[in-house]
């Protein structure tokens, strides 16, 4: 274990360099994952898993690689692997395409991309998404999927034919969000947060609680969480205010803070996994600007946009 731990700083530095290198494609990757999954939570999970896979496989890449194609290919394969094991359905896409300004190049696809019925094979769904929503050329899609342009074109034609025969699409709902009254346990967490009391928050954690700063790192165990992340948070002079809320079918803690202009913005979101009166896992969405932006829009407020990379020096 100690030998592995000695590798952590080197791996962490490589990961941060990797994130810096792919930053121009990061928002498109998140948008792609959101369209695939239909859930901001699942989209963030898919992005994080895809980035881990993409970094791990770089050691096997020996030739020049298009970064955007590499990321999209990794995300596509990761999602296909996931739906094979879970049976998850494909997200509706056309409504979000309109929201984000994308215009599919086929009337048939435009009519059905909101729907993408579960009968559509996963590979065809990915191809239809890449070509008709993200407007990526067939040759590039073939490269991304390790296929030929002819095979991709054939799969796209079959997907469009299936979608033409589908029933009329229905509008895809946007994720819901609201401020809510907290339950008794969440009220204790919010009270401790608003008093900026790291010990009171730590007291709510289980002994082996996982505190996950999504996309950056995690602390394991109450003692380490208290002495590391919670004390750093308590020392931050930025005013922060927490309240209970719901976002995309999940009970959350919404944290607000003033921006540079003094206007209060959605600063972060905390998700608590609670059992037997203790927090088993605390996930903090802070270095996740796309998810915060979607949540802020749903709440009718602006969201902060933090740097993606944590400066741990």
Protein backbone atom coordinates (compact mmCIF):
# COMPACT_ATOMS: atom_id res chain seq x y z
CA UNK A 1 0.00 0.00 0.00
CA UNK A 2 2.81 2.42 0.85
CA UNK A 3 4.46 1.73 -2.50
CA UNK A 4 1.22 2.58 -4.30
CA UNK A 5 0.71 5.69 -2.18
CA UNK A 6 4.11 7.01 -3.28
CA UNK A 7 2.84 7.03 -6.85
CA UNK A 8 -0.13 9.27 -5.99
CA UNK A 9 1.56 12.69 -6.46
CA UNK A 10 2.96 11.65 -9.85
CA UNK A 11 -0.40 10.27 -11.01
CA UNK A 12 -2.20 13.34 -9.69
CA UNK A 13 0.13 15.67 -11.58
CA UNK A 14 -0.37 13.64 -14.76
CA UNK A 15 -4.14 13.79 -14.32
CA UNK A 16 -4.11 17.56 -13.88
CA UNK A 17 -1.94 17.93 -16.99
CA UNK A 18 -4.40 15.68 -18.83
CA UNK A 19 -7.38 17.81 -17.71
CA UNK A 20 -5.62 20.96 -18.85
CA UNK A 21 -4.92 19.41 -22.25
CA UNK A 22 -8.51 18.33 -22.89
CA UNK A 23 -10.18 21.44 -21.41
CA UNK A 24 -11.25 22.82 -24.84
CA UNK A 25 -13.40 19.69 -25.32
CA UNK A 26 -14.68 19.28 -21.78
CA UNK A 27 -18.00 21.13 -22.13
CA UNK A 28 -18.82 19.27 -25.35
CA UNK A 29 -18.00 15.99 -23.61
CA UNK A 30 -20.34 16.82 -20.73
CA UNK A 31 -23.09 17.85 -23.13
CA UNK A 32 -22.63 14.59 -25.05
CA UNK A 33 -22.85 12.54 -21.85
CA UNK A 34 -25.92 14.50 -20.76
CA UNK A 35 -27.63 13.71 -24.05
CA UNK A 36 -26.72 10.04 -23.71
CA UNK A 37 -27.90 9.63 -20.14
CA UNK A 38 -30.68 12.22 -19.84
CA UNK A 39 -29.67 12.95 -16.24
CA UNK A 40 -27.20 15.59 -15.00
CA UNK A 41 -26.09 13.25 -12.21
CA UNK A 42 -25.51 10.35 -14.59
CA UNK A 43 -23.84 12.69 -17.07
CA UNK A 44 -21.32 13.81 -14.45
CA UNK A 45 -20.66 10.21 -13.44
CA UNK A 46 -20.16 9.22 -17.07
CA UNK A 47 -17.78 12.13 -17.67
CA UNK A 48 -15.69 11.25 -14.63
CA UNK A 49 -15.54 7.55 -15.50
CA UNK A 50 -14.72 8.34 -19.13
CA UNK A 51 -11.90 10.68 -18.13
CA UNK A 52 -10.42 8.01 -15.88
CA UNK A 53 -10.59 5.44 -18.66
CA UNK A 54 -9.18 7.86 -21.23
CA UNK A 55 -6.22 8.72 -19.03
CA UNK A 56 -5.53 5.08 -18.13
CA UNK A 57 -5.47 4.02 -21.77
CA UNK A 58 -3.12 6.78 -22.88
CA UNK A 59 -0.20 4.53 -21.99
CA UNK A 60 -1.35 2.26 -24.84
CA UNK A 61 -1.60 5.04 -27.43
CA UNK A 62 1.48 5.20 -29.66
CA UNK A 63 0.29 7.38 -32.54
CA UNK A 64 -1.05 10.95 -32.82
CA UNK A 65 -4.64 11.05 -31.55
CA UNK A 66 -7.45 13.53 -32.03
CA UNK A 67 -8.32 14.50 -28.46
CA UNK A 68 -12.00 15.21 -29.09
CA UNK A 69 -12.51 11.97 -30.98
CA UNK A 70 -10.61 10.05 -28.30
CA UNK A 71 -12.80 11.46 -25.52
CA UNK A 72 -16.07 10.89 -27.38
CA UNK A 73 -15.04 7.36 -28.29
CA UNK A 74 -14.17 6.60 -24.68
CA UNK A 75 -17.47 8.05 -23.43
CA UNK A 76 -19.42 6.11 -26.07
CA UNK A 77 -17.78 2.81 -25.15
CA UNK A 78 -18.21 3.50 -21.43
CA UNK A 79 -21.91 4.23 -21.88
CA UNK A 80 -22.47 1.19 -24.09
CA UNK A 81 -20.76 -0.99 -21.46
CA UNK A 82 -23.01 0.53 -18.82
CA UNK A 83 -26.29 0.01 -20.64
CA UNK A 84 -25.32 -3.56 -21.48
CA UNK A 85 -25.11 -4.34 -17.78
CA UNK A 86 -27.96 -2.16 -16.49
CA UNK A 87 -30.43 -2.14 -19.35
CA UNK A 88 -30.68 1.64 -19.07
CA UNK A 89 -32.74 3.34 -21.78
CA UNK A 90 -31.44 5.97 -24.18
CA UNK A 91 -32.12 9.57 -23.25
CA UNK A 92 -34.36 11.79 -25.32
CA UNK A 93 -32.19 14.22 -27.28
CA UNK A 94 -33.98 16.52 -29.70
CA UNK A 95 -35.38 18.87 -27.06
CA UNK A 96 -31.95 19.46 -25.61
CA UNK A 97 -30.55 19.91 -29.12
CA UNK A 98 -32.93 22.82 -29.60
CA UNK A 99 -32.01 24.27 -26.19
CA UNK A 100 -28.29 24.10 -26.97
CA UNK A 101 -28.64 25.43 -30.52
CA UNK A 102 -27.78 22.21 -32.36
CA UNK A 103 -29.70 21.52 -35.55
CA UNK A 104 -29.87 17.91 -36.79
CA UNK A 105 -29.39 17.62 -40.56
CA UNK A 106 -32.33 15.27 -41.11
CA UNK A 107 -36.02 16.02 -40.72
CA UNK A 108 -36.63 12.40 -39.78
CA UNK A 109 -33.97 12.52 -37.11
CA UNK A 110 -35.20 15.88 -35.85
CA UNK A 111 -38.65 14.41 -35.36
CA UNK A 112 -37.37 11.40 -33.44
CA UNK A 113 -34.19 12.34 -31.60
CA UNK A 114 -36.29 13.52 -28.67
CA UNK A 115 -37.48 9.98 -28.39
CA UNK A 116 -34.73 7.53 -29.48
CA UNK A 117 -36.85 4.54 -28.61
CA UNK A 118 -35.30 1.83 -26.49
CA UNK A 119 -35.61 -0.57 -29.44
CA UNK A 120 -32.83 1.31 -31.25
CA UNK A 121 -29.54 -0.60 -30.89
CA UNK A 122 -26.98 1.23 -28.77
CA UNK A 123 -24.39 1.53 -31.53
CA UNK A 124 -26.98 3.03 -33.88
CA UNK A 125 -28.10 5.44 -31.16
CA UNK A 126 -24.54 6.64 -30.63
CA UNK A 127 -24.02 7.11 -34.38
CA UNK A 128 -27.30 9.00 -34.78
CA UNK A 129 -26.39 11.22 -31.86
CA UNK A 130 -22.89 12.00 -33.13
CA UNK A 131 -23.98 12.69 -36.71
CA UNK A 132 -27.44 14.22 -36.37
CA UNK A 133 -27.02 16.21 -33.15
CA UNK A 134 -23.31 16.95 -32.90
CA UNK A 135 -22.88 17.23 -36.69
CA UNK A 136 -19.72 15.12 -36.75
CA UNK A 137 -18.72 13.81 -40.16
CA UNK A 138 -19.15 10.14 -40.99
CA UNK A 139 -15.42 9.68 -41.48
CA UNK A 140 -14.71 11.07 -38.00
CA UNK A 141 -17.41 8.91 -36.42
CA UNK A 142 -15.96 5.84 -38.13
CA UNK A 143 -12.54 6.69 -36.70
CA UNK A 144 -14.00 7.23 -33.23
CA UNK A 145 -15.81 3.90 -33.26
CA UNK A 146 -13.04 1.91 -34.92
CA UNK A 147 -15.26 1.20 -37.92
CA UNK A 148 -15.49 2.11 -41.61
CA UNK A 149 -17.34 5.02 -43.13
CA UNK A 150 -19.50 2.59 -45.11
CA UNK A 151 -20.49 0.68 -41.97
CA UNK A 152 -21.29 3.87 -40.10
CA UNK A 153 -23.38 5.20 -42.98
CA UNK A 154 -25.32 1.93 -43.09
CA UNK A 155 -25.95 2.00 -39.34
CA UNK A 156 -27.08 5.63 -39.57
CA UNK A 157 -29.54 4.80 -42.36
CA UNK A 158 -30.95 1.92 -40.33
CA UNK A 159 -31.27 4.15 -37.27
CA UNK A 160 -33.08 6.84 -39.25
CA UNK A 161 -35.41 4.25 -40.75
CA UNK A 162 -36.25 2.95 -37.28
CA UNK A 163 -36.84 6.46 -36.00
CA UNK A 164 -39.06 7.35 -38.97
CA UNK A 165 -41.28 4.42 -38.06
CA UNK A 166 -41.44 5.42 -34.39
CA UNK A 167 -44.46 7.04 -32.82
CA UNK A 168 -44.66 10.83 -32.59
CA UNK A 169 -42.16 12.19 -30.07
CA UNK A 170 -43.09 13.77 -26.81
CA UNK A 171 -41.35 16.72 -25.21
CA UNK A 172 -38.50 15.85 -22.96
CA UNK A 173 -38.90 17.44 -19.52
CA UNK A 174 -36.10 19.57 -18.17
CA UNK A 175 -34.65 18.56 -14.82
CA UNK A 176 -36.73 19.85 -11.94
CA UNK A 177 -35.28 21.92 -9.12
CA UNK A 178 -36.76 23.60 -6.07
CA UNK A 179 -35.93 24.86 -2.63
CA UNK A 180 -37.59 22.59 -0.06
CA UNK A 181 -38.05 22.12 3.65
CA UNK A 182 -35.31 19.83 5.04
CA UNK A 183 -35.88 16.62 6.91
CA UNK A 184 -34.55 16.53 10.48
CA UNK A 185 -31.15 15.07 9.59
CA UNK A 186 -30.55 17.43 6.68
CA UNK A 187 -31.59 20.32 8.93
CA UNK A 188 -28.78 19.36 11.33
CA UNK A 189 -26.28 19.29 8.48
CA UNK A 190 -27.46 22.67 7.18
CA UNK A 191 -27.33 24.19 10.67
CA UNK A 192 -23.75 22.98 11.16
CA UNK A 193 -22.83 24.24 7.70
CA UNK A 194 -24.31 27.70 8.23
CA UNK A 195 -22.53 27.97 11.59
CA UNK A 196 -19.31 27.00 9.73
CA UNK A 197 -18.69 24.25 12.29
CA UNK A 198 -16.46 21.46 10.89
CA UNK A 199 -16.66 19.40 14.08
CA UNK A 200 -20.46 19.41 14.02
CA UNK A 201 -20.46 18.28 10.40
CA UNK A 202 -17.85 15.61 11.14
CA UNK A 203 -20.05 14.32 13.96
CA UNK A 204 -22.72 13.51 11.39
CA UNK A 205 -20.35 11.35 9.32
CA UNK A 206 -19.89 7.64 9.79
CA UNK A 207 -16.44 6.44 10.87
CA UNK A 208 -15.66 5.24 7.36
CA UNK A 209 -17.58 7.90 5.45
CA UNK A 210 -16.39 8.74 1.92
CA UNK A 211 -16.23 12.48 1.25
CA UNK A 212 -16.04 12.85 -2.52
CA UNK A 213 -15.09 16.18 -4.10
CA UNK A 214 -16.38 15.14 -7.51
CA UNK A 215 -13.70 15.26 -10.15
CA UNK A 216 -10.88 16.13 -7.77
CA UNK A 217 -10.49 13.55 -5.02
CA UNK A 218 -11.93 11.93 -1.95
CA UNK A 219 -11.30 11.59 1.76
CA UNK A 220 -12.07 8.34 3.55
CA UNK A 221 -12.97 8.29 7.20
CA UNK A 222 -14.42 10.87 9.55
CA UNK A 223 -11.11 11.80 11.18
CA UNK A 224 -9.30 12.50 7.91
CA UNK A 225 -12.29 14.40 6.50
CA UNK A 226 -12.38 16.60 9.60
CA UNK A 227 -8.67 17.40 9.62
CA UNK A 228 -8.32 17.88 5.88
CA UNK A 229 -11.26 19.11 3.82
CA UNK A 230 -13.62 20.32 6.54
CA UNK A 231 -11.07 22.49 8.33
CA UNK A 232 -9.96 24.02 5.02
CA UNK A 233 -13.58 24.79 4.22
CA UNK A 234 -14.15 26.35 7.64
CA UNK A 235 -11.15 28.65 7.13
CA UNK A 236 -12.52 29.98 3.83
CA UNK A 237 -13.62 33.58 4.36
CA UNK A 238 -16.17 33.55 1.53
CA UNK A 239 -19.71 33.83 2.98
CA UNK A 240 -21.70 30.70 2.21
CA UNK A 241 -25.31 29.81 2.90
CA UNK A 242 -26.87 26.35 2.69
CA UNK A 243 -30.49 25.34 2.30
CA UNK A 244 -32.37 22.19 1.39
CA UNK A 245 -33.49 21.54 -2.14
CA UNK A 246 -34.33 19.03 -4.83
CA UNK A 247 -32.61 18.74 -8.18
CA UNK A 248 -33.16 16.13 -10.88
CA UNK A 249 -35.13 13.85 -8.54
CA UNK A 250 -32.54 13.96 -5.75
CA UNK A 251 -32.68 15.58 -2.32
CA UNK A 252 -29.68 17.89 -2.06
CA UNK A 253 -28.13 20.69 -0.07
CA UNK A 254 -27.83 23.86 -2.15
CA UNK A 255 -25.00 26.19 -1.20
CA UNK A 256 -25.06 29.83 -2.27
CA UNK A 257 -22.29 32.43 -2.15
CA UNK A 258 -21.73 35.90 -3.59
CA UNK A 259 -19.91 36.20 -6.91
CA UNK A 260 -17.34 38.84 -7.77
CA UNK A 261 -20.16 41.27 -8.49
CA UNK A 262 -21.78 40.64 -5.12
CA UNK A 263 -24.74 38.77 -6.64
CA UNK A 264 -25.59 35.52 -4.86
CA UNK A 265 -25.00 32.46 -7.01
CA UNK A 266 -25.31 28.72 -6.72
CA UNK A 267 -21.87 27.89 -5.34
CA UNK A 268 -21.97 24.11 -4.92
CA UNK A 269 -24.32 21.18 -4.35
CA UNK A 270 -23.92 18.51 -1.67
CA UNK A 271 -25.56 15.08 -1.89
CA UNK A 272 -25.79 13.05 1.29
CA UNK A 273 -26.17 9.28 1.42
CA UNK A 274 -27.58 8.65 4.89
CA UNK A 275 -28.29 5.40 6.74
CA UNK A 276 -28.93 4.74 10.43
CA UNK A 277 -28.52 8.41 11.29
CA UNK A 278 -25.07 8.80 9.72
CA UNK A 279 -23.69 10.11 6.44
CA UNK A 280 -22.14 7.18 4.58
CA UNK A 281 -21.11 9.29 1.59
CA UNK A 282 -20.94 13.02 0.99
CA UNK A 283 -20.56 14.09 -2.63
CA UNK A 284 -19.74 17.73 -3.27
CA UNK A 285 -20.31 19.12 -6.76
CA UNK A 286 -18.03 22.15 -6.94
CA UNK A 287 -15.55 21.58 -9.80
CA UNK A 288 -18.49 20.64 -12.05
CA UNK A 289 -19.51 23.83 -13.89
CA UNK A 290 -21.85 22.20 -16.40
CA UNK A 291 -23.91 20.44 -13.73
CA UNK A 292 -24.06 23.62 -11.62
CA UNK A 293 -25.16 25.61 -14.67
CA UNK A 294 -28.02 23.19 -15.39
CA UNK A 295 -29.07 23.27 -11.73
CA UNK A 296 -28.85 27.06 -11.57
CA UNK A 297 -30.99 27.42 -14.67
CA UNK A 298 -33.58 25.05 -13.21
CA UNK A 299 -33.59 27.06 -9.98
CA UNK A 300 -33.79 30.38 -11.81
CA UNK A 301 -30.46 31.62 -10.48
CA UNK A 302 -26.94 32.01 -11.81
CA UNK A 303 -24.31 29.42 -10.99
CA UNK A 304 -20.67 30.03 -10.12
CA UNK A 305 -18.09 28.66 -12.52
CA UNK A 306 -15.08 27.38 -10.62
CA UNK A 307 -11.73 26.22 -12.06
CA UNK A 308 -11.88 22.49 -12.81
CA UNK A 309 -8.50 21.77 -11.31
CA UNK A 310 -7.90 22.04 -7.58
CA UNK A 311 -4.73 23.81 -6.50
CA UNK A 312 -3.61 21.62 -3.62
CA UNK A 313 -0.35 23.45 -2.98
